[in-house]
Protein backbone atom coordinates (compact mmCIF):
# COMPACT_ATOMS: atom_id res chain seq x y z
CA UNK A 1 28.29 12.72 -30.81
CA UNK A 2 27.71 9.39 -32.30
CA UNK A 3 24.60 7.65 -31.13
CA UNK A 4 25.40 5.10 -28.25
CA UNK A 5 23.96 1.61 -28.99
CA UNK A 6 22.65 -1.04 -26.57
CA UNK A 7 21.47 -4.69 -26.78
CA UNK A 8 19.28 -5.77 -24.14
CA UNK A 9 18.75 -9.47 -23.78
CA UNK A 10 16.24 -11.23 -21.55
CA UNK A 11 15.19 -15.16 -21.42
CA UNK A 12 11.36 -13.84 -22.33
CA UNK A 13 9.62 -10.55 -23.28
CA UNK A 14 9.45 -8.01 -20.82
CA UNK A 15 6.00 -8.74 -19.39
CA UNK A 16 5.87 -5.83 -17.40
CA UNK A 17 2.46 -6.17 -16.14
CA UNK A 18 3.11 -9.95 -15.16
CA UNK A 19 6.06 -9.91 -12.91
CA UNK A 20 8.66 -7.89 -11.32
CA UNK A 21 12.04 -8.75 -13.09
CA UNK A 22 10.26 -7.98 -16.68
CA UNK A 23 9.22 -4.74 -15.21
CA UNK A 24 12.64 -4.01 -14.25
CA UNK A 25 13.91 -4.68 -17.52
CA UNK A 26 11.02 -2.87 -19.33
CA UNK A 27 11.92 0.23 -17.05
CA UNK A 28 16.00 0.11 -17.80
CA UNK A 29 15.07 -0.19 -21.61
CA UNK A 30 12.98 3.35 -21.03
CA UNK A 31 15.56 4.93 -19.22
CA UNK A 32 18.27 4.02 -21.54
CA UNK A 33 16.23 5.71 -24.40
CA UNK A 34 15.58 8.62 -22.43
CA UNK A 35 19.42 8.98 -22.03
CA UNK A 36 19.74 9.18 -25.54
CA UNK A 37 20.72 5.34 -26.24
CA UNK A 38 19.54 3.52 -29.36
CA UNK A 39 18.30 0.45 -27.95
CA UNK A 40 17.73 -3.34 -29.31
CA UNK A 41 15.93 -6.14 -27.74
CA UNK A 42 16.53 -9.84 -27.96
CA UNK A 43 14.58 -12.43 -26.12
CA UNK A 44 15.59 -16.04 -26.26
CA UNK A 45 11.92 -17.00 -26.30
CA UNK A 46 8.98 -14.76 -27.68
CA UNK A 47 6.27 -17.21 -27.18
CA UNK A 48 3.21 -15.55 -25.86
CA UNK A 49 5.03 -12.30 -26.02
CA UNK A 50 3.90 -10.51 -29.19
CA UNK A 51 2.08 -7.77 -27.56
CA UNK A 52 4.91 -6.81 -25.46
CA UNK A 53 7.10 -7.03 -28.73
CA UNK A 54 4.61 -4.50 -30.60
CA UNK A 55 5.04 -2.19 -27.44
CA UNK A 56 8.74 -1.97 -27.72
CA UNK A 57 8.69 -1.76 -31.53
CA UNK A 58 5.98 1.44 -30.85
CA UNK A 59 8.90 2.83 -28.72
CA UNK A 60 11.33 2.49 -31.64
CA UNK A 61 12.97 -0.65 -30.04
CA UNK A 62 14.23 -3.59 -32.69
CA UNK A 63 12.87 -6.78 -31.42
CA UNK A 64 14.46 -10.20 -31.87
CA UNK A 65 13.33 -13.51 -30.90
CA UNK A 66 15.88 -16.37 -30.46
CA UNK A 67 15.89 -20.32 -30.81
CA UNK A 68 12.58 -21.03 -28.91
CA UNK A 69 10.76 -18.23 -31.22
CA UNK A 70 10.61 -20.37 -34.46
CA UNK A 71 7.23 -19.43 -36.31
CA UNK A 72 6.73 -16.48 -33.87
CA UNK A 73 7.89 -13.54 -35.38
CA UNK A 74 9.63 -12.48 -38.56
CA UNK A 75 12.46 -11.43 -36.47
CA UNK A 76 13.43 -15.13 -35.65
CA UNK A 77 16.83 -15.49 -34.88
CA UNK A 78 18.20 -18.80 -33.71
CA UNK A 79 21.74 -17.74 -33.62
CA UNK A 80 22.35 -14.24 -31.74
CA UNK A 81 26.10 -14.51 -32.83
CA UNK A 82 24.82 -12.10 -35.96
CA UNK A 83 23.64 -9.46 -33.76
CA UNK A 84 27.16 -9.21 -32.30
CA UNK A 85 28.78 -9.50 -35.28
CA UNK A 86 27.06 -6.74 -37.00
CA UNK A 87 25.10 -4.80 -34.37
CA UNK A 88 28.26 -2.48 -33.42
CA UNK A 89 26.67 -2.24 -30.00
CA UNK A 90 28.63 -0.36 -27.33
CA UNK A 91 26.92 -2.27 -24.39
CA UNK A 92 25.05 -5.56 -23.96
CA UNK A 93 22.91 -5.77 -21.17
CA UNK A 94 21.64 -9.08 -20.06
CA UNK A 95 18.90 -10.46 -17.50
CA UNK A 96 20.00 -13.01 -15.12
CA UNK A 97 23.33 -14.65 -14.97
CA UNK A 98 22.47 -17.87 -16.74
CA UNK A 99 21.49 -16.04 -20.19
CA UNK A 100 24.72 -14.17 -19.62
CA UNK A 101 26.64 -17.40 -19.27
CA UNK A 102 25.24 -18.50 -22.80
CA UNK A 103 25.92 -15.15 -24.65
CA UNK A 104 29.16 -14.05 -22.91
CA UNK A 105 31.42 -16.20 -25.07
CA UNK A 106 29.78 -15.05 -28.31
CA UNK A 107 30.24 -11.34 -26.98
CA UNK A 108 34.01 -11.76 -26.24
CA UNK A 109 34.85 -13.25 -29.52
CA UNK A 110 32.62 -11.24 -31.83
CA UNK A 111 32.81 -8.08 -30.35
CA UNK A 112 35.63 -7.73 -27.85
CA UNK A 113 35.13 -3.95 -27.47
CA UNK A 114 31.67 -4.18 -26.29
CA UNK A 115 30.86 -3.71 -22.36
CA UNK A 116 29.01 -6.37 -20.94
CA UNK A 117 26.67 -5.96 -18.07
CA UNK A 118 24.62 -8.68 -16.12
CA UNK A 119 21.31 -7.81 -14.35
CA UNK A 120 21.10 -10.09 -11.46
CA UNK A 121 17.44 -9.31 -10.86
CA UNK A 122 18.32 -11.31 -7.53
CA UNK A 123 21.17 -13.55 -6.23
CA UNK A 124 20.04 -16.83 -7.47
CA UNK A 125 22.59 -18.55 -5.11
CA UNK A 126 21.33 -16.28 -2.28
CA UNK A 127 17.48 -17.51 -2.94
CA UNK A 128 18.34 -21.06 -3.26
CA UNK A 129 20.12 -21.42 -0.12
CA UNK A 130 17.43 -19.86 1.94
CA UNK A 131 15.31 -22.14 0.50
CA UNK A 132 17.06 -25.06 1.90
CA UNK A 133 17.80 -23.40 5.32
CA UNK A 134 14.24 -21.80 5.57
CA UNK A 135 11.84 -22.76 8.49
CA UNK A 136 9.82 -24.91 6.49
CA UNK A 137 9.82 -28.37 8.19
CA UNK A 138 8.61 -30.10 5.32
CA UNK A 139 11.97 -29.52 3.64
CA UNK A 140 15.44 -31.01 4.45
CA UNK A 141 17.99 -28.50 6.13
CA UNK A 142 20.71 -29.02 3.84
CA UNK A 143 22.01 -27.86 0.19
CA UNK A 144 21.99 -30.47 -2.53
CA UNK A 145 25.24 -31.11 -4.39
CA UNK A 146 23.96 -29.41 -7.40
CA UNK A 147 23.75 -25.98 -5.71
CA UNK A 148 27.79 -26.03 -5.65
CA UNK A 149 27.79 -26.09 -9.55
CA UNK A 150 25.38 -23.69 -9.97
CA UNK A 151 26.66 -21.24 -7.42
CA UNK A 152 30.20 -21.43 -9.06
CA UNK A 153 28.57 -20.63 -12.44
CA UNK A 154 26.78 -17.75 -11.28
CA UNK A 155 29.95 -16.34 -9.49
CA UNK A 156 32.15 -16.90 -12.42
CA UNK A 157 29.87 -15.15 -14.76
CA UNK A 158 29.57 -12.08 -12.21
CA UNK A 159 33.62 -12.14 -11.89
CA UNK A 160 33.61 -12.18 -16.15
CA UNK A 161 31.67 -9.42 -17.06
CA UNK A 162 32.25 -5.84 -16.99
CA UNK A 163 29.89 -4.98 -14.54
CA UNK A 164 26.97 -6.35 -12.50
CA UNK A 165 23.84 -4.71 -11.51
CA UNK A 166 21.70 -5.55 -8.62
CA UNK A 167 18.55 -4.38 -6.95
CA UNK A 168 20.25 -3.41 -3.39
CA UNK A 169 23.52 -2.17 -2.31
CA UNK A 170 23.33 -5.29 -0.12
CA UNK A 171 23.58 -7.35 -2.89
CA UNK A 172 26.13 -5.48 -4.76
CA UNK A 173 28.43 -5.67 -1.78
CA UNK A 174 27.90 -9.43 -1.50
CA UNK A 175 28.91 -9.79 -5.26
CA UNK A 176 31.88 -7.58 -4.84
CA UNK A 177 33.11 -9.34 -1.72
CA UNK A 178 33.00 -12.61 -3.60
CA UNK A 179 34.91 -11.66 -6.58
CA UNK A 180 37.32 -9.58 -4.56
CA UNK A 181 36.61 -6.42 -6.81
CA UNK A 182 34.89 -3.37 -5.01
CA UNK A 183 33.75 -1.96 -8.55
CA UNK A 184 32.16 -4.73 -10.22
CA UNK A 185 28.80 -4.47 -8.82
CA UNK A 186 26.21 -1.46 -8.58
CA UNK A 187 23.20 -0.95 -6.99
CA UNK A 188 20.26 0.15 -9.40
CA UNK A 189 17.04 0.04 -7.51
CA UNK A 190 13.61 -1.03 -8.98
CA UNK A 191 11.68 2.07 -10.02
CA UNK A 192 8.54 2.98 -9.06
CA UNK A 193 6.61 6.45 -9.00
CA UNK A 194 2.99 5.61 -8.54
CA UNK A 195 0.18 8.28 -7.31
CA UNK A 196 -0.96 8.33 -4.04
CA UNK A 197 -4.19 6.54 -3.41
CA UNK A 198 -7.12 8.87 -3.12
CA UNK A 199 -9.08 6.62 -0.41
CA UNK A 200 -8.96 7.47 3.10
CA UNK A 201 -8.81 4.85 5.89
CA UNK A 202 -12.72 4.60 6.30
CA UNK A 203 -13.23 3.91 2.63
CA UNK A 204 -10.69 1.49 2.38
CA UNK A 205 -11.38 -2.46 2.35
CA UNK A 206 -9.75 -5.54 2.19
CA UNK A 207 -6.37 -7.59 2.87
CA UNK A 208 -4.29 -7.79 -0.31
CA UNK A 209 -1.77 -10.44 -1.33
CA UNK A 210 0.04 -10.04 -4.60
CA UNK A 211 2.57 -12.44 -6.23
CA UNK A 212 3.50 -13.72 -9.30
CA UNK A 213 3.07 -17.70 -8.89
CA UNK A 214 5.79 -18.78 -11.39
CA UNK A 215 8.31 -17.66 -8.66
CA UNK A 216 8.46 -20.30 -6.45
CA UNK A 217 9.02 -18.00 -3.04
CA UNK A 218 5.25 -16.27 -3.78
CA UNK A 219 4.09 -20.12 -4.14
CA UNK A 220 5.37 -20.59 -0.77
CA UNK A 221 4.36 -17.64 0.79
CA UNK A 222 0.64 -18.35 -0.58
CA UNK A 223 0.67 -21.92 1.21
CA UNK A 224 2.06 -20.20 4.55
CA UNK A 225 -0.51 -17.61 4.35
CA UNK A 226 -3.54 -20.00 4.17
CA UNK A 227 -2.00 -22.85 6.20
CA UNK A 228 -0.73 -20.58 9.37
CA UNK A 229 -1.85 -17.13 9.09
CA UNK A 230 -5.12 -17.12 7.89
CA UNK A 231 -6.25 -19.58 10.46
CA UNK A 232 -5.31 -16.99 13.01
CA UNK A 233 -7.19 -13.97 11.77
CA UNK A 234 -10.69 -13.24 13.47
CA UNK A 235 -13.34 -14.36 10.81
CA UNK A 236 -15.26 -11.17 11.88
CA UNK A 237 -12.41 -9.30 10.73
CA UNK A 238 -12.11 -11.06 7.27
CA UNK A 239 -16.17 -10.37 6.80
CA UNK A 240 -15.22 -6.62 6.72
CA UNK A 241 -11.79 -7.11 4.96
CA UNK A 242 -12.04 -9.94 2.39
CA UNK A 243 -8.69 -11.39 1.58
CA UNK A 244 -7.77 -10.74 -2.13
CA UNK A 245 -5.09 -12.97 -3.87
CA UNK A 246 -3.89 -11.35 -7.21
CA UNK A 247 -1.11 -12.28 -9.38
CA UNK A 248 -0.08 -14.14 -12.60
CA UNK A 249 -0.09 -17.80 -13.06
CA UNK A 250 -2.66 -18.45 -10.21
CA UNK A 251 -3.44 -22.07 -10.80
CA UNK A 252 -5.61 -24.63 -9.65
CA UNK A 253 -3.63 -26.05 -6.96
CA UNK A 254 -3.22 -22.55 -5.43
CA UNK A 255 -6.99 -21.74 -6.17
CA UNK A 256 -7.62 -24.86 -3.99
CA UNK A 257 -6.14 -23.21 -0.96
CA UNK A 258 -8.96 -20.70 -0.77
CA UNK A 259 -11.61 -23.12 -1.43
CA UNK A 260 -14.28 -23.11 1.32
CA UNK A 261 -12.74 -20.30 3.22
CA UNK A 262 -15.29 -17.29 3.62
CA UNK A 263 -14.47 -13.94 2.47
CA UNK A 264 -11.45 -15.02 0.56
CA UNK A 265 -11.38 -13.59 -3.27
CA UNK A 266 -8.67 -15.64 -5.59
CA UNK A 267 -8.33 -13.26 -8.42
CA UNK A 268 -5.53 -14.31 -10.58
CA UNK A 269 -3.99 -11.86 -13.07
CA UNK A 270 -5.28 -8.59 -13.64
CA UNK A 271 -4.50 -5.80 -16.42
CA UNK A 272 -3.35 -3.45 -13.58
CA UNK A 273 -2.60 -4.23 -9.96
CA UNK A 274 -3.14 -0.46 -8.91
CA UNK A 275 -6.88 -0.66 -8.28
CA UNK A 276 -6.40 -3.22 -5.66
CA UNK A 277 -3.51 -1.32 -4.00
CA UNK A 278 -5.46 1.65 -3.99
CA UNK A 279 -8.61 0.29 -2.32
CA UNK A 280 -6.96 -2.17 0.02
CA UNK A 281 -6.57 -1.24 3.74
CA UNK A 282 -3.65 -3.57 4.11
CA UNK A 283 -1.11 -5.53 1.99
CA UNK A 284 0.72 -8.32 3.07
CA UNK A 285 4.12 -10.12 2.19
CA UNK A 286 4.43 -13.68 4.09
CA UNK A 287 7.54 -14.50 2.40
CA UNK A 288 9.45 -17.26 4.01
CA UNK A 289 12.71 -17.07 1.82
CA UNK A 290 13.62 -15.19 -1.16
CA UNK A 291 16.42 -12.41 -2.65
CA UNK A 292 16.58 -9.23 -4.18
CA UNK A 293 14.02 -6.53 -3.12
CA UNK A 294 10.25 -7.02 -3.42
CA UNK A 295 8.36 -4.70 -5.79
CA UNK A 296 5.17 -5.31 -4.22
CA UNK A 297 6.44 -3.82 -1.03
CA UNK A 298 7.79 -0.89 -3.05
CA UNK A 299 4.37 -0.61 -4.76
CA UNK A 300 1.94 -0.57 -1.91
CA UNK A 301 4.13 1.85 0.12
CA UNK A 302 4.31 4.12 -2.99
CA UNK A 303 0.41 4.50 -3.04
CA UNK A 304 0.15 4.95 0.46
CA UNK A 305 -1.15 1.40 1.53
CA UNK A 306 0.48 0.15 4.88
CA UNK A 307 1.99 -3.44 4.67
CA UNK A 308 2.53 -6.35 7.11
CA UNK A 309 5.85 -8.26 5.99
CA UNK A 310 8.14 -10.59 7.10
CA UNK A 311 11.90 -9.62 7.43
CA UNK A 312 12.76 -11.32 4.15
CA UNK A 313 10.02 -9.12 2.30
CA UNK A 314 11.54 -5.99 3.78
CA UNK A 315 15.31 -6.90 2.67
CA UNK A 316 17.20 -4.26 0.87
CA UNK A 317 14.58 -1.44 1.43
CA UNK A 318 16.14 0.07 4.76
CA UNK A 319 12.34 -0.21 6.23
CA UNK A 320 11.98 -0.03 9.85
CA UNK A 321 9.25 -1.87 11.89
CA UNK A 322 6.75 0.41 13.24
CA UNK A 323 8.00 3.45 11.34
CA UNK A 324 7.14 2.76 7.62
CA UNK A 325 5.84 -0.95 7.98
CA UNK A 326 5.09 -3.85 10.39
CA UNK A 327 7.21 -6.79 10.34
CA UNK A 328 6.37 -10.06 11.94
CA UNK A 329 8.25 -13.55 11.36
CA UNK A 330 5.81 -16.21 13.14
CA UNK A 331 2.19 -16.60 11.90
CA UNK A 332 0.55 -15.61 15.14
CA UNK A 333 2.56 -12.27 15.11
CA UNK A 334 1.73 -11.68 11.43
CA UNK A 335 -1.97 -12.45 12.08
CA UNK A 336 -1.58 -10.05 15.00
CA UNK A 337 -0.14 -7.21 13.12
CA UNK A 338 -2.68 -7.70 10.31
CA UNK A 339 -5.70 -7.13 12.85
CA UNK A 340 -3.89 -4.26 14.64
CA UNK A 341 -3.17 -2.20 11.55
CA UNK A 342 -6.94 -2.76 10.37
CA UNK A 343 -8.31 -1.38 13.79
CA UNK A 344 -5.74 1.16 14.56
CA UNK A 345 -6.33 4.48 12.44
CA UNK A 346 -3.60 6.12 13.85
CA UNK A 347 -0.93 3.67 13.20
CA UNK A 348 -2.18 3.22 9.67
CA UNK A 349 -1.88 6.96 8.92
CA UNK A 350 1.59 7.14 10.17
CA UNK A 351 2.62 3.83 8.34
CA UNK A 352 1.21 5.49 5.10
CA UNK A 353 2.58 8.58 5.19
CA UNK A 354 6.22 7.69 6.52
CA UNK A 355 6.21 4.33 4.24
CA UNK A 356 5.52 6.23 1.03
CA UNK A 357 7.77 9.26 1.98
CA UNK A 358 10.64 6.58 2.30
CA UNK A 359 9.81 4.94 -1.06
CA UNK A 360 9.61 8.16 -2.98
CA UNK A 361 12.98 9.08 -1.65
CA UNK A 362 14.69 5.76 -2.41
CA UNK A 363 13.01 4.46 -5.32
CA UNK A 364 11.38 7.41 -7.66
CA UNK A 365 12.64 7.76 -11.08
CA UNK A 366 15.12 10.68 -10.62
CA UNK A 367 16.69 8.47 -7.91
CA UNK A 368 16.86 5.51 -10.47
CA UNK A 369 17.64 7.35 -13.11
CA UNK A 370 20.92 8.86 -11.33
CA UNK A 371 22.19 5.76 -10.19
CA UNK A 372 21.65 4.04 -13.48
CA UNK A 373 23.63 6.57 -15.24
CA UNK A 374 26.47 6.74 -12.55
CA UNK A 375 26.74 2.83 -13.02
CA UNK A 376 26.95 3.10 -16.99
CA UNK A 377 29.26 5.63 -16.83
CA UNK A 378 31.69 3.62 -14.41
CA UNK A 379 31.26 0.46 -16.54
CA UNK A 380 32.01 2.41 -19.96
CA UNK A 381 34.92 3.93 -18.71
CA UNK A 382 36.59 0.40 -17.92
CA UNK A 383 38.50 -1.52 -20.55
CA UNK A 384 36.07 -4.10 -22.10
CA UNK A 385 36.65 -7.84 -21.53
CA UNK A 386 39.52 -8.25 -19.02
CA UNK A 387 39.41 -12.00 -19.95
CA UNK A 388 41.22 -12.89 -23.18
CA UNK A 389 38.32 -13.50 -25.45
CA UNK A 390 39.93 -16.90 -26.84
CA UNK A 391 39.69 -18.35 -23.34
CA UNK A 392 35.75 -17.42 -23.02
CA UNK A 393 34.35 -21.04 -24.09
CA UNK A 394 37.12 -22.61 -22.52
CA UNK A 395 36.58 -20.98 -19.07
CA UNK A 396 32.84 -21.47 -19.47
CA UNK A 397 33.51 -25.48 -19.86
CA UNK A 398 36.68 -26.90 -18.87
CA UNK A 399 37.70 -24.63 -16.03
CA UNK A 400 34.28 -24.36 -14.72
CA UNK A 401 33.83 -28.16 -14.79
CA UNK A 402 37.19 -28.59 -12.56
CA UNK A 403 35.83 -26.04 -10.36
CA UNK A 404 32.49 -27.89 -9.89
CA UNK A 405 34.02 -31.36 -9.46
CA UNK A 406 36.35 -29.79 -6.68
CA UNK A 407 33.53 -28.46 -4.87
CA UNK A 408 31.18 -31.51 -5.11
CA UNK A 409 34.05 -33.35 -3.73
CA UNK A 410 34.13 -30.69 -0.69
CA UNK A 411 30.60 -30.46 -0.12
CA UNK A 412 30.38 -34.42 -0.08
CA UNK A 413 33.11 -34.44 2.43
CA UNK A 414 31.32 -31.90 4.61
CA UNK A 415 27.98 -33.81 4.31
CA UNK A 416 29.95 -37.01 5.32
CA UNK A 417 31.25 -35.25 8.29
CA UNK A 418 27.76 -33.89 9.52
CA UNK A 419 26.16 -37.07 9.31
CA UNK A 420 28.79 -38.75 11.40
CA UNK A 421 28.41 -36.05 13.99
CA UNK A 422 24.77 -36.39 13.92
CA UNK A 423 24.86 -40.37 14.57
CA UNK A 424 27.38 -39.65 17.22
CA UNK A 425 25.12 -37.21 19.12
């Protein structure tokens, strides 16, 4: 049987120790290799990613850098078209719709028999809408006109590719509803299989917030944490259990949030987050908006560290309040849930046991491997490139421009109506 060849594409190198989306892409590469695929990787920008490129090369993955990688690597490839023309790939798997939008016309014209899958990571149109309509009173409660054009582009990409991977069944169902195709999107959960923490309740110390601060929902969450939740936590409890803020790109603005507050440790990026999950008594996920599933929730429950989260933080994970996790959507309830979990040993143990069991059953390696293989088999069995390749460039420009213009006119009319009604009240 001939070796199957896959090209995995991403905007940057798979920085698996810095942010969740990259960790997902790295895991997909590993799972493809384990299934017998020969994998090549292409990053539009390799800047700062040579360490990750070296790790991939050690695994036998050919690595190329795109238009923003000049002078960084010998594998500089300003036009990826040559890969599609000469690579003879059976599959192109692309992280994020906007990267797929750029690459899809090339694949359709140069390699019309290659299957094309986009991994959404999360649904951008959903996350951006929630940002606009979130409870943050500093933001206007309305979508801007640019939202329509970006949503149209994102959905057009999902409709045009051979398959879409999502992190949850909820988002797969949403895409399938939008594009009127029940077999377009497939839920392939994030994979984590971590050892249980060896530390008992009595040996645990600290409250842990984890986030990649290049991702704006995490920035909003840490501001919400310090602005509305921390002031409601008993200072004596913080003396016993300091608050640790850990994550990539913790800049000076975020650092200032904890300045002058006793028992707050602004840590920033660390090579491994596991020691913090293992030692913390409680982890917290005070997200106010977002989409997809939250790896930090998967990780903390996987090691047996209970968690307090907002409803957004547990979306797509089928977790139940009081059974595997505590859920609170206002700052007073969130602070109270933290205090309860830090003092109630029986509750802590129940959440630790049931939370870990749930995550192992839904996000363990065997489960994710099986879901990925099923999704790949389904996509590879389809006829590739349903859309005429000669139409790809036109579809991604002229037709899309028309849709965007019509959508903007529609939203302008809706906004005008809303303003008029508001004046009349």
